[in-house]
PDB file of N, CA and C in Angstrom:
ATOM      1  N   MET A   1       0.911  -0.485  -0.279  1.00  0.00           N
ATOM      2  CA  MET A   1       0.070  -0.237  -0.070  1.00  0.00           C
ATOM      3  C   MET A   1       1.276   1.027   0.250  1.00  0.00           C
ATOM      4  N   GLU A   2       0.794   2.084  -0.773  1.00  0.00           N
ATOM      5  CA  GLU A   2       1.592   3.292  -0.458  1.00  0.00           C
ATOM      6  C   GLU A   2       1.234   4.323   0.000  1.00  0.00           C
ATOM      7  N   LYS A   3      -0.332   4.741   0.144  1.00  0.00           N
ATOM      8  CA  LYS A   3      -0.705   4.976   1.896  1.00  0.00           C
ATOM      9  C   LYS A   3      -0.928   4.624   2.674  1.00  0.00           C
ATOM     10  N   ASP A   4      -0.723   5.348   3.918  1.00  0.00           N
ATOM     11  CA  ASP A   4      -2.124   4.410   5.639  1.00  0.00           C
ATOM     12  C   ASP A   4      -3.885   4.202   4.745  1.00  0.00           C
ATOM     13  N   ALA A   5      -3.436   3.282   4.931  1.00  0.00           N
ATOM     14  CA  ALA A   5      -5.357   3.058   4.249  1.00  0.00           C
ATOM     15  C   ALA A   5      -5.852   2.706   6.345  1.00  0.00           C
ATOM     16  N   LEU A   6      -7.058   4.249   6.707  1.00  0.00           N
ATOM     17  CA  LEU A   6      -7.517   3.513   7.691  1.00  0.00           C
ATOM     18  C   LEU A   6      -9.361   2.531   7.152  1.00  0.00           C
ATOM     19  N   PHE A   7      -9.699   1.928   8.068  1.00  0.00           N
ATOM     20  CA  PHE A   7     -10.619   0.975   8.147  1.00  0.00           C
ATOM     21  C   PHE A   7     -11.663   1.817   9.564  1.00  0.00           C
ATOM     22  N   LEU A   8     -12.740   2.134   8.959  1.00  0.00           N
ATOM     23  CA  LEU A   8     -14.053   2.964   9.461  1.00  0.00           C
ATOM     24  C   LEU A   8     -15.156   2.038   9.558  1.00  0.00           C
ATOM     25  N   LEU A   9     -16.193   2.097  10.893  1.00  0.00           N
ATOM     26  CA  LEU A   9     -17.421   1.538  10.467  1.00  0.00           C
ATOM     27  C   LEU A   9     -17.514   3.375  10.258  1.00  0.00           C
ATOM     28  N   ALA A  10     -18.984   3.116   8.792  1.00  0.00           N
ATOM     29  CA  ALA A  10     -19.598   4.211   8.356  1.00  0.00           C
ATOM     30  C   ALA A  10     -20.365   5.365   9.567  1.00  0.00           C
ATOM     31  N   PRO A  11     -20.857   6.510   9.436  1.00  0.00           N
ATOM     32  CA  PRO A  11     -21.991   6.594  10.881  1.00  0.00           C
ATOM     33  C   PRO A  11     -22.713   6.368  10.427  1.00  0.00           C
ATOM     34  N   GLY A  12     -23.892   5.358  11.247  1.00  0.00           N
ATOM     35  CA  GLY A  12     -25.682   5.390  11.121  1.00  0.00           C
ATOM     36  C   GLY A  12     -25.630   4.236  10.678  1.00  0.00           C
ATOM     37  N   PHE A  13     -24.641   3.420  10.704  1.00  0.00           N
ATOM     38  CA  PHE A  13     -25.340   1.559  10.065  1.00  0.00           C
ATOM     39  C   PHE A  13     -26.335   0.757  11.023  1.00  0.00           C
ATOM     40  N   GLN A  14     -26.859   0.739  10.693  1.00  0.00           N
ATOM     41  CA  GLN A  14     -28.244  -0.341  11.442  1.00  0.00           C
ATOM     42  C   GLN A  14     -27.052  -1.531  12.078  1.00  0.00           C
ATOM     43  N   ALA A  15     -27.843  -1.000  13.487  1.00  0.00           N
ATOM     44  CA  ALA A  15     -27.606  -2.735  14.334  1.00  0.00           C
ATOM     45  C   ALA A  15     -28.478  -3.867  15.411  1.00  0.00           C
ATOM     46  N   THR A  16     -28.937  -4.721  14.832  1.00  0.00           N
ATOM     47  CA  THR A  16     -29.488  -5.174  15.557  1.00  0.00           C
ATOM     48  C   THR A  16     -29.749  -5.616  17.500  1.00  0.00           C
ATOM     49  N   THR A  17     -30.586  -4.588  18.173  1.00  0.00           N
ATOM     50  CA  THR A  17     -30.998  -4.527  19.643  1.00  0.00           C
ATOM     51  C   THR A  17     -30.237  -5.558  20.203  1.00  0.00           C
ATOM     52  N   GLY A  18     -30.478  -6.135  21.106  1.00  0.00           N
ATOM     53  CA  GLY A  18     -30.584  -7.982  22.044  1.00  0.00           C
ATOM     54  C   GLY A  18     -32.260  -7.634  21.877  1.00  0.00           C
ATOM     55  N   ASP A  19     -33.117  -7.110  21.804  1.00  0.00           N
ATOM     56  CA  ASP A  19     -34.907  -7.590  21.265  1.00  0.00           C
ATOM     57  C   ASP A  19     -35.042  -8.346  20.108  1.00  0.00           C
ATOM     58  N   GLY A  20     -33.540  -7.924  19.288  1.00  0.00           N
ATOM     59  CA  GLY A  20     -34.345  -8.481  17.941  1.00  0.00           C
ATOM     60  C   GLY A  20     -35.211  -7.257  17.334  1.00  0.00           C
ATOM     61  N   GLY A  21     -34.778  -6.615  17.432  1.00  0.00           N
ATOM     62  CA  GLY A  21     -35.065  -5.222  17.128  1.00  0.00           C
ATOM     63  C   GLY A  21     -33.314  -3.752  16.619  1.00  0.00           C
ATOM     64  N   ASN A  22     -34.357  -3.290  15.871  1.00  0.00           N
ATOM     65  CA  ASN A  22     -33.378  -2.525  14.210  1.00  0.00           C
ATOM     66  C   ASN A  22     -33.106  -1.287  15.192  1.00  0.00           C
ATOM     67  N   ARG A  23     -31.586  -0.817  14.992  1.00  0.00           N
ATOM     68  CA  ARG A  23     -31.203   0.118  15.226  1.00  0.00           C
ATOM     69  C   ARG A  23     -30.172   1.410  14.385  1.00  0.00           C
ATOM     70  N   ARG A  24     -30.495   2.055  14.207  1.00  0.00           N
ATOM     71  CA  ARG A  24     -28.893   3.554  13.768  1.00  0.00           C
ATOM     72  C   ARG A  24     -27.974   3.353  14.885  1.00  0.00           C
ATOM     73  N   GLU A  25     -26.853   3.114  14.350  1.00  0.00           N
ATOM     74  CA  GLU A  25     -25.563   3.453  15.302  1.00  0.00           C
ATOM     75  C   GLU A  25     -24.539   4.012  15.077  1.00  0.00           C
ATOM     76  N   PHE A  26     -24.365   4.433  15.967  1.00  0.00           N
ATOM     77  CA  PHE A  26     -22.120   4.669  15.556  1.00  0.00           C
ATOM     78  C   PHE A  26     -21.003   4.464  16.465  1.00  0.00           C
ATOM     79  N   CYS A  27     -20.040   3.918  15.818  1.00  0.00           N
ATOM     80  CA  CYS A  27     -19.281   4.011  16.519  1.00  0.00           C
ATOM     81  C   CYS A  27     -17.895   4.772  17.616  1.00  0.00           C
ATOM     82  N   PRO A  28     -18.161   5.002  18.353  1.00  0.00           N
ATOM     83  CA  PRO A  28     -17.367   6.175  19.224  1.00  0.00           C
ATOM     84  C   PRO A  28     -16.353   5.530  18.592  1.00  0.00           C
ATOM     85  N   GLU A  29     -15.754   4.714  18.745  1.00  0.00           N
ATOM     86  CA  GLU A  29     -13.883   5.110  18.489  1.00  0.00           C
ATOM     87  C   GLU A  29     -14.007   5.797  16.678  1.00  0.00           C
ATOM     88  N   CYS A  30     -14.733   5.248  16.185  1.00  0.00           N
ATOM     89  CA  CYS A  30     -14.730   5.308  14.725  1.00  0.00           C
ATOM     90  C   CYS A  30     -15.120   7.109  14.814  1.00  0.00           C
ATOM     91  N   ALA A  31     -15.393   6.824  15.983  1.00  0.00           N
ATOM     92  CA  ALA A  31     -16.045   8.589  15.204  1.00  0.00           C
ATOM     93  C   ALA A  31     -14.905   9.956  16.761  1.00  0.00           C
ATOM     94  N   GLU A  32     -14.812   9.570  17.481  1.00  0.00           N
ATOM     95  CA  GLU A  32     -12.952  10.056  17.983  1.00  0.00           C
ATOM     96  C   GLU A  32     -12.075  10.197  16.938  1.00  0.00           C
ATOM     97  N   ILE A  33     -11.890   9.098  15.926  1.00  0.00           N
ATOM     98  CA  ILE A  33     -11.036   9.514  14.630  1.00  0.00           C
ATOM     99  C   ILE A  33     -11.594  10.522  13.704  1.00  0.00           C
ATOM    100  N   TRP A  34     -12.253  10.563  13.008  1.00  0.00           N
ATOM    101  CA  TRP A  34     -12.960  11.509  12.453  1.00  0.00           C
ATOM    102  C   TRP A  34     -12.994  12.632  13.731  1.00  0.00           C
ATOM    103  N   GLY A  35     -13.200  12.554  14.960  1.00  0.00           N
ATOM    104  CA  GLY A  35     -13.223  14.388  15.152  1.00  0.00           C
ATOM    105  C   GLY A  35     -11.893  14.058  14.775  1.00  0.00           C
ATOM    106  N   VAL A  36     -10.403  13.579  15.526  1.00  0.00           N
ATOM    107  CA  VAL A  36      -8.881  14.448  15.128  1.00  0.00           C
ATOM    108  C   VAL A  36      -9.080  14.656  13.679  1.00  0.00           C
ATOM    109  N   LEU A  37      -8.970  14.013  12.631  1.00  0.00           N
ATOM    110  CA  LEU A  37      -9.512  15.058  11.101  1.00  0.00           C
ATOM    111  C   LEU A  37     -10.067  15.125  10.950  1.00  0.00           C
ATOM    112  N   HIS A  38     -11.458  15.823  11.815  1.00  0.00           N
ATOM    113  CA  HIS A  38     -11.578  17.244  12.005  1.00  0.00           C
ATOM    114  C   HIS A  38     -10.801  17.732  12.827  1.00  0.00           C
ATOM    115  N   TYR A  39     -10.473  17.819  13.596  1.00  0.00           N
ATOM    116  CA  TYR A  39      -9.128  18.601  14.099  1.00  0.00           C
ATOM    117  C   TYR A  39      -8.316  19.166  12.846  1.00  0.00           C
ATOM    118  N   PHE A  40      -7.863  18.208  12.393  1.00  0.00           N
ATOM    119  CA  PHE A  40      -6.676  18.841  11.366  1.00  0.00           C
ATOM    120  C   PHE A  40      -6.265  17.757  10.208  1.00  0.00           C
ATOM    121  N   PRO A  41      -7.861  17.869   9.072  1.00  0.00           N
ATOM    122  CA  PRO A  41      -8.441  17.365   7.978  1.00  0.00           C
ATOM    123  C   PRO A  41      -7.060  17.755   7.165  1.00  0.00           C
ATOM    124  N   ALA A  42      -5.998  18.747   6.914  1.00  0.00           N
ATOM    125  CA  ALA A  42      -4.650  18.577   6.668  1.00  0.00           C
ATOM    126  C   ALA A  42      -4.852  16.244   5.734  1.00  0.00           C
ATOM    127  N   ILE A  43      -4.476  15.924   6.763  1.00  0.00           N
ATOM    128  CA  ILE A  43      -4.172  14.111   7.478  1.00  0.00           C
ATOM    129  C   ILE A  43      -5.301  13.019   6.831  1.00  0.00           C
ATOM    130  N   LYS A  44      -6.060  14.027   6.042  1.00  0.00           N
ATOM    131  CA  LYS A  44      -7.606  13.254   5.102  1.00  0.00           C
ATOM    132  C   LYS A  44      -6.816  12.589   3.993  1.00  0.00           C
ATOM    133  N   GLU A  45      -5.456  13.993   3.645  1.00  0.00           N
ATOM    134  CA  GLU A  45      -5.232  13.700   2.305  1.00  0.00           C
ATOM    135  C   GLU A  45      -4.000  12.971   2.133  1.00  0.00           C
ATOM    136  N   ALA A  46      -3.170  12.030   3.636  1.00  0.00           N
ATOM    137  CA  ALA A  46      -2.082  11.136   3.787  1.00  0.00           C
ATOM    138  C   ALA A  46      -3.211  10.171   3.397  1.00  0.00           C
ATOM    139  N   LEU A  47      -4.871  10.324   3.738  1.00  0.00           N
ATOM    140  CA  LEU A  47      -4.466   7.773   3.571  1.00  0.00           C
ATOM    141  C   LEU A  47      -5.759   7.905   3.100  1.00  0.00           C
ATOM    142  N   ASP A  48      -5.604   6.542   2.414  1.00  0.00           N
ATOM    143  CA  ASP A  48      -6.656   5.916   2.041  1.00  0.00           C
ATOM    144  C   ASP A  48      -8.191   5.733   3.035  1.00  0.00           C
ATOM    145  N   ILE A  49      -8.861   6.300   2.945  1.00  0.00           N
ATOM    146  CA  ILE A  49      -9.526   6.581   3.777  1.00  0.00           C
ATOM    147  C   ILE A  49     -11.122   4.908   3.415  1.00  0.00           C
ATOM    148  N   ARG A  50     -11.430   4.101   3.869  1.00  0.00           N
ATOM    149  CA  ARG A  50     -12.689   3.149   3.170  1.00  0.00           C
ATOM    150  C   ARG A  50     -13.142   2.717   4.478  1.00  0.00           C
ATOM    151  N   TYR A  51     -14.842   2.306   4.024  1.00  0.00           N
ATOM    152  CA  TYR A  51     -15.709   2.302   5.732  1.00  0.00           C
ATOM    153  C   TYR A  51     -15.462  -0.031   4.683  1.00  0.00           C
ATOM    154  N   GLU A  52     -15.599   0.059   6.239  1.00  0.00           N
ATOM    155  CA  GLU A  52     -16.388  -1.774   6.593  1.00  0.00           C
ATOM    156  C   GLU A  52     -17.505  -2.073   6.198  1.00  0.00           C
ATOM    157  N   PRO A  53     -18.066  -2.395   6.304  1.00  0.00           N
ATOM    158  CA  PRO A  53     -20.413  -2.883   7.502  1.00  0.00           C
ATOM    159  C   PRO A  53     -19.808  -3.856   8.358  1.00  0.00           C
ATOM    160  N   LEU A  54     -21.011  -3.400   8.878  1.00  0.00           N
ATOM    161  CA  LEU A  54     -20.905  -3.880  10.231  1.00  0.00           C
ATOM    162  C   LEU A  54     -20.752  -4.953  10.743  1.00  0.00           C
ATOM    163  N   ALA A  55     -20.925  -6.484   9.460  1.00  0.00           N
ATOM    164  CA  ALA A  55     -21.107  -7.390   9.979  1.00  0.00           C
ATOM    165  C   ALA A  55     -20.055  -8.081   9.880  1.00  0.00           C
ATOM    166  N   HIS A  56     -19.106  -9.130  10.711  1.00  0.00           N
ATOM    167  CA  HIS A  56     -17.775  -9.966  10.395  1.00  0.00           C
ATOM    168  C   HIS A  56     -18.330 -11.488   9.484  1.00  0.00           C
ATOM    169  N   PRO A  57     -17.140 -11.390   8.937  1.00  0.00           N
ATOM    170  CA  PRO A  57     -15.950 -10.422   9.125  1.00  0.00           C
ATOM    171  C   PRO A  57     -16.012  -9.292   7.438  1.00  0.00           C
ATOM    172  N   ARG A  58     -15.609  -8.729   8.632  1.00  0.00           N
ATOM    173  CA  ARG A  58     -15.949  -7.825   8.088  1.00  0.00           C
ATOM    174  C   ARG A  58     -14.277  -8.058   6.327  1.00  0.00           C
ATOM    175  N   PRO A  59     -14.423  -7.540   4.507  1.00  0.00           N
ATOM    176  CA  PRO A  59     -14.249  -8.002   3.973  1.00  0.00           C
ATOM    177  C   PRO A  59     -12.893  -6.860   3.604  1.00  0.00           C
ATOM    178  N   GLY A  60     -12.717  -5.971   3.779  1.00  0.00           N
ATOM    179  CA  GLY A  60     -11.918  -5.289   3.765  1.00  0.00           C
ATOM    180  C   GLY A  60     -10.395  -5.492   4.113  1.00  0.00           C
ATOM    181  N   LEU A  61     -11.056  -5.436   5.441  1.00  0.00           N
ATOM    182  CA  LEU A  61     -10.386  -5.998   6.721  1.00  0.00           C
ATOM    183  C   LEU A  61      -9.027  -7.649   6.825  1.00  0.00           C
ATOM    184  N   ALA A  62      -9.919  -8.558   6.282  1.00  0.00           N
ATOM    185  CA  ALA A  62      -9.943 -10.116   6.561  1.00  0.00           C
ATOM    186  C   ALA A  62      -8.783 -10.146   5.622  1.00  0.00           C
ATOM    187  N   ALA A  63      -9.073  -9.365   4.347  1.00  0.00           N
ATOM    188  CA  ALA A  63      -8.887  -9.287   2.966  1.00  0.00           C
ATOM    189  C   ALA A  63      -6.967  -9.812   3.214  1.00  0.00           C
ATOM    190  N   ILE A  64      -7.019  -8.451   3.680  1.00  0.00           N
ATOM    191  CA  ILE A  64      -5.669  -8.057   3.995  1.00  0.00           C
ATOM    192  C   ILE A  64      -4.744  -8.497   5.444  1.00  0.00           C
ATOM    193  N   LEU A  65      -5.096  -9.179   6.757  1.00  0.00           N
ATOM    194  CA  LEU A  65      -4.930  -9.309   7.653  1.00  0.00           C
ATOM    195  C   LEU A  65      -5.765 -10.630   8.250  1.00  0.00           C
ATOM    196  N   GLY A  66      -6.042 -11.508   7.542  1.00  0.00           N
ATOM    197  CA  GLY A  66      -6.567 -12.134   8.002  1.00  0.00           C
ATOM    198  C   GLY A  66      -8.006 -13.114   9.122  1.00  0.00           C
ATOM    199  N   ALA A  67      -8.337 -13.946   9.274  1.00  0.00           N
ATOM    200  CA  ALA A  67      -9.487 -13.630   9.889  1.00  0.00           C
ATOM    201  C   ALA A  67      -9.458 -13.617  11.393  1.00  0.00           C
ATOM    202  N   GLY A  68     -10.121 -13.134  11.533  1.00  0.00           N
ATOM    203  CA  GLY A  68     -10.443 -12.537  13.110  1.00  0.00           C
ATOM    204  C   GLY A  68      -9.790 -10.963  13.028  1.00  0.00           C
ATOM    205  N   GLU A  69      -9.004 -10.546  13.028  1.00  0.00           N
ATOM    206  CA  GLU A  69      -8.186  -9.187  12.440  1.00  0.00           C
ATOM    207  C   GLU A  69      -8.995  -8.013  12.123  1.00  0.00           C
ATOM    208  N   TRP A  70     -10.445  -7.297  12.089  1.00  0.00           N
ATOM    209  CA  TRP A  70     -11.074  -6.795  11.566  1.00  0.00           C
ATOM    210  C   TRP A  70     -12.074  -5.366  12.094  1.00  0.00           C
ATOM    211  N   ASN A  71     -11.374  -5.675  13.296  1.00  0.00           N
ATOM    212  CA  ASN A  71     -11.788  -4.069  14.176  1.00  0.00           C
ATOM    213  C   ASN A  71     -12.273  -2.801  13.173  1.00  0.00           C
ATOM    214  N   CYS A  72     -12.522  -1.936  13.373  1.00  0.00           N
ATOM    215  CA  CYS A  72     -12.825  -0.606  12.983  1.00  0.00           C
ATOM    216  C   CYS A  72     -12.463   0.041  13.925  1.00  0.00           C
ATOM    217  N   PRO A  73     -11.309   1.409  14.518  1.00  0.00           N
ATOM    218  CA  PRO A  73     -11.005   1.759  14.118  1.00  0.00           C
ATOM    219  C   PRO A  73      -9.431   1.179  13.173  1.00  0.00           C
ATOM    220  N   THR A  74      -9.539   0.743  12.296  1.00  0.00           N
ATOM    221  CA  THR A  74      -7.748  -0.100  11.722  1.00  0.00           C
ATOM    222  C   THR A  74      -6.976   1.243  10.907  1.00  0.00           C
ATOM    223  N   LEU A  75      -5.642   1.283  10.808  1.00  0.00           N
ATOM    224  CA  LEU A  75      -5.003   1.514  10.246  1.00  0.00           C
ATOM    225  C   LEU A  75      -4.575   0.812  10.434  1.00  0.00           C
ATOM    226  N   ILE A  76      -3.453   0.469   8.715  1.00  0.00           N
ATOM    227  CA  ILE A  76      -2.602  -0.839   7.623  1.00  0.00           C
ATOM    228  C   ILE A  76      -1.757   0.231   6.672  1.00  0.00           C
ATOM    229  N   PHE A  77      -0.320   0.364   8.044  1.00  0.00           N
ATOM    230  CA  PHE A  77       0.716   1.472   6.667  1.00  0.00           C
ATOM    231  C   PHE A  77       1.052   0.881   5.777  1.00  0.00           C
ATOM    232  N   GLY A  78       1.497   2.397   5.041  1.00  0.00           N
ATOM    233  CA  GLY A  78       1.547   2.029   3.659  1.00  0.00           C
ATOM    234  C   GLY A  78       2.605   1.621   4.467  1.00  0.00           C
ATOM    235  N   GLU A  79       3.749   1.706   2.697  1.00  0.00           N
ATOM    236  CA  GLU A  79       4.914   1.891   2.565  1.00  0.00           C
ATOM    237  C   GLU A  79       6.029   2.466   3.031  1.00  0.00           C
ATOM    238  N   GLY A  80       7.002   2.483   3.748  1.00  0.00           N
ATOM    239  CA  GLY A  80       7.873   3.486   5.182  1.00  0.00           C
ATOM    240  C   GLY A  80       7.483   3.755   5.564  1.00  0.00           C
ATOM    241  N   ALA A  81       6.055   3.352   5.915  1.00  0.00           N
ATOM    242  CA  ALA A  81       5.333   4.258   7.268  1.00  0.00           C
ATOM    243  C   ALA A  81       6.628   3.630   8.428  1.00  0.00           C
ATOM    244  N   ASP A  82       6.523   5.142   9.655  1.00  0.00           N
ATOM    245  CA  ASP A  82       7.478   5.045  10.917  1.00  0.00           C
ATOM    246  C   ASP A  82       6.332   5.154  11.732  1.00  0.00           C
ATOM    247  N   ALA A  83       6.040   4.116  13.438  1.00  0.00           N
ATOM    248  CA  ALA A  83       4.273   4.378  14.130  1.00  0.00           C
ATOM    249  C   ALA A  83       5.773   5.293  15.373  1.00  0.00           C
ATOM    250  N   GLY A  84       6.281   5.862  15.354  1.00  0.00           N
ATOM    251  CA  GLY A  84       7.248   5.598  16.512  1.00  0.00           C
ATOM    252  C   GLY A  84       6.813   5.111  17.323  1.00  0.00           C
ATOM    253  N   PRO A  85       7.664   5.733  19.024  1.00  0.00           N
ATOM    254  CA  PRO A  85       7.266   4.564  19.740  1.00  0.00           C
ATOM    255  C   PRO A  85       5.998   4.957  20.808  1.00  0.00           C
ATOM    256  N   PHE A  86       5.165   5.382  20.126  1.00  0.00           N
ATOM    257  CA  PHE A  86       4.323   5.351  21.405  1.00  0.00           C
ATOM    258  C   PHE A  86       2.598   4.988  20.888  1.00  0.00           C
ATOM    259  N   ALA A  87       2.810   4.259  19.846  1.00  0.00           N
ATOM    260  CA  ALA A  87       1.550   3.360  19.055  1.00  0.00           C
ATOM    261  C   ALA A  87       2.200   1.441  19.952  1.00  0.00           C
ATOM    262  N   ALA A  88       1.012   0.916  19.671  1.00  0.00           N
ATOM    263  CA  ALA A  88       1.218  -0.638  20.175  1.00  0.00           C
ATOM    264  C   ALA A  88       1.579  -0.636  18.814  1.00  0.00           C
ATOM    265  N   VAL A  89       1.818  -1.193  18.352  1.00  0.00           N
ATOM    266  CA  VAL A  89       1.875  -1.721  16.464  1.00  0.00           C
ATOM    267  C   VAL A  89       1.739  -2.851  15.781  1.00  0.00           C
ATOM    268  N   LYS A  90       0.701  -3.382  16.163  1.00  0.00           N
ATOM    269  CA  LYS A  90       1.053  -5.340  15.966  1.00  0.00           C
ATOM    270  C   LYS A  90       0.493  -6.229  14.372  1.00  0.00           C
ATOM    271  N   SER A  91       1.099  -6.270  14.113  1.00  0.00           N
ATOM    272  CA  SER A  91       1.146  -8.084  12.717  1.00  0.00           C
ATOM    273  C   SER A  91       0.561  -8.503  12.850  1.00  0.00           C
ATOM    274  N   ALA A  92      -0.145  -8.252  11.842  1.00  0.00           N
ATOM    275  CA  ALA A  92      -1.176 -10.110  11.107  1.00  0.00           C
ATOM    276  C   ALA A  92      -1.188  -9.892   9.700  1.00  0.00           C
ATOM    277  N   LYS A  93      -0.310 -11.138   8.534  1.00  0.00           N
ATOM    278  CA  LYS A  93      -0.042 -11.638   7.472  1.00  0.00           C
ATOM    279  C   LYS A  93       1.334 -10.547   6.524  1.00  0.00           C
ATOM    280  N   GLY A  94       2.458 -10.042   7.626  1.00  0.00           N
ATOM    281  CA  GLY A  94       3.192  -9.196   7.157  1.00  0.00           C
ATOM    282  C   GLY A  94       2.581  -7.953   7.393  1.00  0.00           C
ATOM    283  N   VAL A  95       1.959  -7.662   7.203  1.00  0.00           N
ATOM    284  CA  VAL A  95       1.393  -6.232   7.197  1.00  0.00           C
ATOM    285  C   VAL A  95       0.993  -5.498   8.928  1.00  0.00           C
ATOM    286  N   HIS A  96       1.507  -4.116   8.565  1.00  0.00           N
ATOM    287  CA  HIS A  96       1.220  -3.563   9.855  1.00  0.00           C
ATOM    288  C   HIS A  96      -0.079  -2.815  10.320  1.00  0.00           C
ATOM    289  N   PHE A  97       0.075  -3.333  12.455  1.00  0.00           N
ATOM    290  CA  PHE A  97      -1.604  -1.872  11.961  1.00  0.00           C
ATOM    291  C   PHE A  97      -1.357  -1.721  12.918  1.00  0.00           C
ATOM    292  N   LEU A  98      -2.417  -0.779  13.030  1.00  0.00           N
ATOM    293  CA  LEU A  98      -2.999  -0.430  14.845  1.00  0.00           C
ATOM    294  C   LEU A  98      -4.095  -0.471  14.577  1.00  0.00           C
ATOM    295  N   ASP A  99      -5.028  -0.990  15.785  1.00  0.00           N
ATOM    296  CA  ASP A  99      -6.376  -1.155  15.381  1.00  0.00           C
ATOM    297  C   ASP A  99      -6.400  -0.674  16.817  1.00  0.00           C
ATOM    298  N   ASN A 100      -6.885   0.505  16.950  1.00  0.00           N
ATOM    299  CA  ASN A 100      -7.789   1.105  17.964  1.00  0.00           C
ATOM    300  C   ASN A 100      -7.422   2.946  18.127  1.00  0.00           C
ATOM    301  N   ALA A 101      -8.396   3.679  18.425  1.00  0.00           N
ATOM    302  CA  ALA A 101      -8.644   5.353  18.073  1.00  0.00           C
ATOM    303  C   ALA A 101      -7.722   5.826  18.886  1.00  0.00           C
ATOM    304  N   ARG A 102      -7.081   5.829  20.270  1.00  0.00           N
ATOM    305  CA  ARG A 102      -6.022   6.125  20.557  1.00  0.00           C
ATOM    306  C   ARG A 102      -4.408   5.768  20.187  1.00  0.00           C
ATOM    307  N   ASP A 103      -3.080   5.086  19.994  1.00  0.00           N
ATOM    308  CA  ASP A 103      -2.887   4.591  18.666  1.00  0.00           C
ATOM    309  C   ASP A 103      -3.156   5.351  17.699  1.00  0.00           C
ATOM    310  N   ILE A 104      -3.751   5.407  17.258  1.00  0.00           N
ATOM    311  CA  ILE A 104      -4.201   5.163  15.816  1.00  0.00           C
ATOM    312  C   ILE A 104      -3.642   7.584  16.181  1.00  0.00           C
ATOM    313  N   ALA A 105      -4.327   8.186  17.163  1.00  0.00           N
ATOM    314  CA  ALA A 105      -3.971   9.372  16.834  1.00  0.00           C
ATOM    315  C   ALA A 105      -2.361   9.776  18.063  1.00  0.00           C
ATOM    316  N   LYS A 106      -2.185   8.324  18.282  1.00  0.00           N
ATOM    317  CA  LYS A 106      -0.164   8.960  18.317  1.00  0.00           C
ATOM    318  C   LYS A 106      -0.262   8.994  17.747  1.00  0.00           C
ATOM    319  N   TYR A 107      -0.376   7.783  16.923  1.00  0.00           N
ATOM    320  CA  TYR A 107       0.623   7.678  15.708  1.00  0.00           C
ATOM    321  C   TYR A 107       0.440   9.020  14.226  1.00  0.00           C
ATOM    322  N   PHE A 108      -1.047   9.420  14.543  1.00  0.00           N
ATOM    323  CA  PHE A 108      -0.535  10.551  13.955  1.00  0.00           C
ATOM    324  C   PHE A 108       0.066  11.858  14.678  1.00  0.00           C
ATOM    325  N   ALA A 109       0.059  12.060  15.640  1.00  0.00           N
ATOM    326  CA  ALA A 109       0.789  13.204  16.177  1.00  0.00           C
ATOM    327  C   ALA A 109       2.231  13.201  15.968  1.00  0.00           C
ATOM    328  N   HIS A 110       3.118  11.317  16.323  1.00  0.00           N
ATOM    329  CA  HIS A 110       4.283  11.313  15.684  1.00  0.00           C
ATOM    330  C   HIS A 110       4.080  12.003  14.557  1.00  0.00           C
ATOM    331  N   ARG A 111       3.612  11.248  14.036  1.00  0.00           N
ATOM    332  CA  ARG A 111       3.845  11.472  12.167  1.00  0.00           C
ATOM    333  C   ARG A 111       3.550  12.878  11.725  1.00  0.00           C
ATOM    334  N   PHE A 112       2.280  13.185  11.411  1.00  0.00           N
ATOM    335  CA  PHE A 112       1.654  14.618  11.528  1.00  0.00           C
ATOM    336  C   PHE A 112       2.483  16.178  12.497  1.00  0.00           C
ATOM    337  N   GLY A 113       2.627  15.308  13.570  1.00  0.00           N
ATOM    338  CA  GLY A 113       2.355  16.965  14.711  1.00  0.00           C
ATOM    339  C   GLY A 113       2.019  17.311  15.559  1.00  0.00           C
ATOM    340  N   THR A 114       0.685  16.897  15.317  1.00  0.00           N
ATOM    341  CA  THR A 114      -0.828  16.876  15.939  1.00  0.00           C
ATOM    342  C   THR A 114       0.232  16.631  17.211  1.00  0.00           C
ATOM    343  N   PRO A 115      -1.142  16.863  18.636  1.00  0.00           N
ATOM    344  CA  PRO A 115      -1.125  16.956  19.668  1.00  0.00           C
ATOM    345  C   PRO A 115      -1.428  15.541  20.038  1.00  0.00           C
ATOM    346  N   PHE A 116      -0.878  14.965  21.390  1.00  0.00           N
ATOM    347  CA  PHE A 116      -1.135  13.430  21.965  1.00  0.00           C
ATOM    348  C   PHE A 116      -2.810  13.024  22.437  1.00  0.00           C
ATOM    349  N   PRO A 117      -2.994  12.450  22.173  1.00  0.00           N
ATOM    350  CA  PRO A 117      -4.014  12.454  22.718  1.00  0.00           C
ATOM    351  C   PRO A 117      -4.065  12.464  24.075  1.00  0.00           C
ATOM    352  N   ARG A 118      -5.004  12.807  25.873  1.00  0.00           N
ATOM    353  CA  ARG A 118      -4.933  13.204  27.079  1.00  0.00           C
ATOM    354  C   ARG A 118      -5.393  11.227  27.036  1.00  0.00           C
TER     355      ARG A 118
END
């Protein structure tokens, strides 16, 4: 991958409730990342942003990282990316990635000079 790929759930997806009903929901961690991108919109240009469906397996992530690796948000590093010393980098199938909002924000701070998350 040339650019870092950021996998998110789209806001307002349909989810099944515990009583068998449906309702529109959003992912709080994905919303946290969208908040960071709103604060620092120049970062969006450096990312390949992709939306995944709610249901597992999430095909875009599973195709790259393998079965069981489908958390959103996930940031998959592009060629030559340096995560810095602050984020907990994971790997699967030879691909390096971050799978939570706080580590993604720490990576943005390291790479783009944004403030660190508290």
